[in-house]
Amino acid sequence: ASVFIGLDVARDPGSGVTVLSRAPPSQSAADEFASAVTAALRLPGGRVNTPAVTDDPVLAGFHGTGVRLRLGDTTDTGDTARFRDPAWADEVARGIYRAIGDTYGS
């Protein structure tokens, strides 16, 4: 695989979607892709945080471009309402595909 995209939810990381890329030494391609995903997910009604860096072992073990999307906090009522909304899930999926197209489609 050339690109890895992980999706997860967590308890108490903060509400909203956060795109995480691997910790330094980070590849500029991963940072560019994280920024593209973040931009593509900034839609009305949602909360998308600034991209962040993680020392996630799955990302560290992947040798291509990789990001993790932390989709929200399982204890936040706004996030859990979005988790149940099929339209929100479609928006997230379309945002991911747009970011792939913007980053790799040219």
C-alpha atoms as a PDB file:
ATOM      1  CA  ALA A   1       0.000   0.000   0.000  1.00  0.00           C
ATOM      2  CA  SER A   2       1.105   3.554  -0.689  1.00  0.00           C
ATOM      3  CA  VAL A   3      -1.226   5.293   1.761  1.00  0.00           C
ATOM      4  CA  PHE A   4      -2.522   4.190   5.150  1.00  0.00           C
ATOM      5  CA  ILE A   5      -5.607   5.826   6.651  1.00  0.00           C
ATOM      6  CA  GLY A   6      -6.647   4.669  10.106  1.00  0.00           C
ATOM      7  CA  LEU A   7      -9.943   5.636  11.713  1.00  0.00           C
ATOM      8  CA  ASP A   8     -10.524   5.581  15.439  1.00  0.00           C
ATOM      9  CA  VAL A   9     -12.438   7.101  18.297  1.00  0.00           C
ATOM     10  CA  ALA A  10     -11.030   7.635  21.746  1.00  0.00           C
ATOM     11  CA  ARG A  11     -12.061   8.512  25.228  1.00  0.00           C
ATOM     12  CA  ASP A  12     -11.238  12.061  26.324  1.00  0.00           C
ATOM     13  CA  PRO A  13      -8.830  13.139  23.553  1.00  0.00           C
ATOM     14  CA  GLY A  14     -10.920  16.226  22.933  1.00  0.00           C
ATOM     15  CA  SER A  15     -13.955  16.612  20.752  1.00  0.00           C
ATOM     16  CA  GLY A  16     -14.003  16.857  16.988  1.00  0.00           C
ATOM     17  CA  VAL A  17     -11.994  15.243  14.224  1.00  0.00           C
ATOM     18  CA  THR A  18      -8.198  15.378  14.471  1.00  0.00           C
ATOM     19  CA  VAL A  19      -5.893  14.164  11.698  1.00  0.00           C
ATOM     20  CA  LEU A  20      -2.714  12.673  13.137  1.00  0.00           C
ATOM     21  CA  SER A  21       0.535  12.077  11.273  1.00  0.00           C
ATOM     22  CA  ARG A  22       3.605  10.289  12.560  1.00  0.00           C
ATOM     23  CA  ALA A  23       6.069  11.878  14.910  1.00  0.00           C
ATOM     24  CA  PRO A  24       9.358  13.299  13.627  1.00  0.00           C
ATOM     25  CA  PRO A  25      11.250  12.446  11.642  1.00  0.00           C
ATOM     26  CA  SER A  26       8.015  12.952   9.743  1.00  0.00           C
ATOM     27  CA  GLN A  27       7.756  12.690   6.001  1.00  0.00           C
ATOM     28  CA  SER A  28       6.627  15.851   4.287  1.00  0.00           C
ATOM     29  CA  ALA A  29       4.219  13.735   2.194  1.00  0.00           C
ATOM     30  CA  ALA A  30       2.422  12.624   5.368  1.00  0.00           C
ATOM     31  CA  ASP A  31       2.212  16.213   6.607  1.00  0.00           C
ATOM     32  CA  GLU A  32       0.881  17.354   3.217  1.00  0.00           C
ATOM     33  CA  PHE A  33      -1.689  14.572   3.180  1.00  0.00           C
ATOM     34  CA  ALA A  34      -2.745  15.323   6.785  1.00  0.00           C
ATOM     35  CA  SER A  35      -3.288  18.962   5.819  1.00  0.00           C
ATOM     36  CA  ALA A  36      -5.290  17.935   2.725  1.00  0.00           C
ATOM     37  CA  VAL A  37      -7.544  15.623   4.780  1.00  0.00           C
ATOM     38  CA  THR A  38      -8.056  18.332   7.398  1.00  0.00           C
ATOM     39  CA  ALA A  39      -9.001  20.896   4.733  1.00  0.00           C
ATOM     40  CA  ALA A  40     -11.365  18.457   3.000  1.00  0.00           C
ATOM     41  CA  LEU A  41     -13.177  17.697   6.264  1.00  0.00           C
ATOM     42  CA  ARG A  42     -13.812  21.338   7.211  1.00  0.00           C
ATOM     43  CA  LEU A  43     -17.522  21.366   6.485  1.00  0.00           C
ATOM     44  CA  PRO A  44     -20.386  23.253   8.138  1.00  0.00           C
ATOM     45  CA  GLY A  45     -21.632  21.699  11.357  1.00  0.00           C
ATOM     46  CA  GLY A  46     -18.511  19.735  12.160  1.00  0.00           C
ATOM     47  CA  ARG A  47     -15.495  20.388  14.288  1.00  0.00           C
ATOM     48  CA  VAL A  48     -12.129  19.675  12.709  1.00  0.00           C
ATOM     49  CA  ASN A  49      -9.052  20.413  14.765  1.00  0.00           C
ATOM     50  CA  THR A  50      -5.575  21.427  13.631  1.00  0.00           C
ATOM     51  CA  PRO A  51      -3.544  18.388  12.465  1.00  0.00           C
ATOM     52  CA  ALA A  52      -1.353  16.902  15.172  1.00  0.00           C
ATOM     53  CA  VAL A  53       1.575  14.529  15.490  1.00  0.00           C
ATOM     54  CA  THR A  54       1.422  11.110  17.141  1.00  0.00           C
ATOM     55  CA  ASP A  55       3.839   8.351  18.068  1.00  0.00           C
ATOM     56  CA  ASP A  56       1.214   5.764  17.096  1.00  0.00           C
ATOM     57  CA  PRO A  57       2.908   2.349  16.675  1.00  0.00           C
ATOM     58  CA  VAL A  58       0.780   1.437  13.645  1.00  0.00           C
ATOM     59  CA  LEU A  59       1.835   4.570  11.770  1.00  0.00           C
ATOM     60  CA  ALA A  60       5.436   4.072  12.880  1.00  0.00           C
ATOM     61  CA  GLY A  61       5.392   0.567  11.384  1.00  0.00           C
ATOM     62  CA  PHE A  62       3.986   1.677   8.037  1.00  0.00           C
ATOM     63  CA  HIS A  63       6.638   2.781   5.557  1.00  0.00           C
ATOM     64  CA  GLY A  64       4.416   4.819   3.233  1.00  0.00           C
ATOM     65  CA  THR A  65       2.358   7.935   3.802  1.00  0.00           C
ATOM     66  CA  GLY A  66      -0.008   7.420   6.696  1.00  0.00           C
ATOM     67  CA  VAL A  67      -2.475   9.311   8.855  1.00  0.00           C
ATOM     68  CA  ARG A  68      -4.939   8.433  11.583  1.00  0.00           C
ATOM     69  CA  LEU A  69      -8.262  10.203  11.832  1.00  0.00           C
ATOM     70  CA  ARG A  70      -9.392  10.458  15.409  1.00  0.00           C
ATOM     71  CA  LEU A  71     -13.085  10.932  14.716  1.00  0.00           C
ATOM     72  CA  GLY A  72     -13.969  12.229  18.141  1.00  0.00           C
ATOM     73  CA  ASP A  73     -14.468  11.586  21.798  1.00  0.00           C
ATOM     74  CA  THR A  74     -16.766   8.790  22.939  1.00  0.00           C
ATOM     75  CA  THR A  75     -17.725  10.850  26.007  1.00  0.00           C
ATOM     76  CA  ASP A  76     -18.694  13.997  24.057  1.00  0.00           C
ATOM     77  CA  THR A  77     -22.422  14.131  23.251  1.00  0.00           C
ATOM     78  CA  GLY A  78     -21.888  16.138  20.059  1.00  0.00           C
ATOM     79  CA  ASP A  79     -19.360  13.627  18.757  1.00  0.00           C
ATOM     80  CA  THR A  80     -21.497  10.605  19.644  1.00  0.00           C
ATOM     81  CA  ALA A  81     -24.478  12.178  17.851  1.00  0.00           C
ATOM     82  CA  ARG A  82     -22.322  12.570  14.726  1.00  0.00           C
ATOM     83  CA  PHE A  83     -21.162   8.932  15.027  1.00  0.00           C
ATOM     84  CA  ARG A  84     -24.810   7.866  14.601  1.00  0.00           C
ATOM     85  CA  ASP A  85     -25.443  10.171  11.630  1.00  0.00           C
ATOM     86  CA  PRO A  86     -25.043   8.410   8.258  1.00  0.00           C
ATOM     87  CA  ALA A  87     -24.776  11.776   6.464  1.00  0.00           C
ATOM     88  CA  TRP A  88     -21.781  12.703   8.653  1.00  0.00           C
ATOM     89  CA  ALA A  89     -20.144   9.349   7.873  1.00  0.00           C
ATOM     90  CA  ASP A  90     -20.632  10.047   4.160  1.00  0.00           C
ATOM     91  CA  GLU A  91     -19.071  13.503   4.562  1.00  0.00           C
ATOM     92  CA  VAL A  92     -16.023  12.000   6.277  1.00  0.00           C
ATOM     93  CA  ALA A  93     -15.629   9.377   3.539  1.00  0.00           C
ATOM     94  CA  ARG A  94     -16.006  11.983   0.781  1.00  0.00           C
ATOM     95  CA  GLY A  95     -13.479  14.236   2.542  1.00  0.00           C
ATOM     96  CA  ILE A  96     -10.951  11.404   2.656  1.00  0.00           C
ATOM     97  CA  TYR A  97     -11.470  10.664  -1.047  1.00  0.00           C
ATOM     98  CA  ARG A  98     -11.185  14.372  -1.927  1.00  0.00           C
ATOM     99  CA  ALA A  99      -7.883  14.566  -0.038  1.00  0.00           C
ATOM    100  CA  ILE A 100      -6.564  11.520  -1.898  1.00  0.00           C
ATOM    101  CA  GLY A 101      -7.568  13.099  -5.204  1.00  0.00           C
ATOM    102  CA  ASP A 102      -6.078  16.489  -4.284  1.00  0.00           C
ATOM    103  CA  THR A 103      -2.811  14.928  -3.108  1.00  0.00           C
ATOM    104  CA  TYR A 104      -2.297  12.137  -5.619  1.00  0.00           C
ATOM    105  CA  GLY A 105      -4.646  12.876  -8.519  1.00  0.00           C
ATOM    106  CA  SER A 106      -2.550  15.443 -10.333  1.00  0.00           C
END
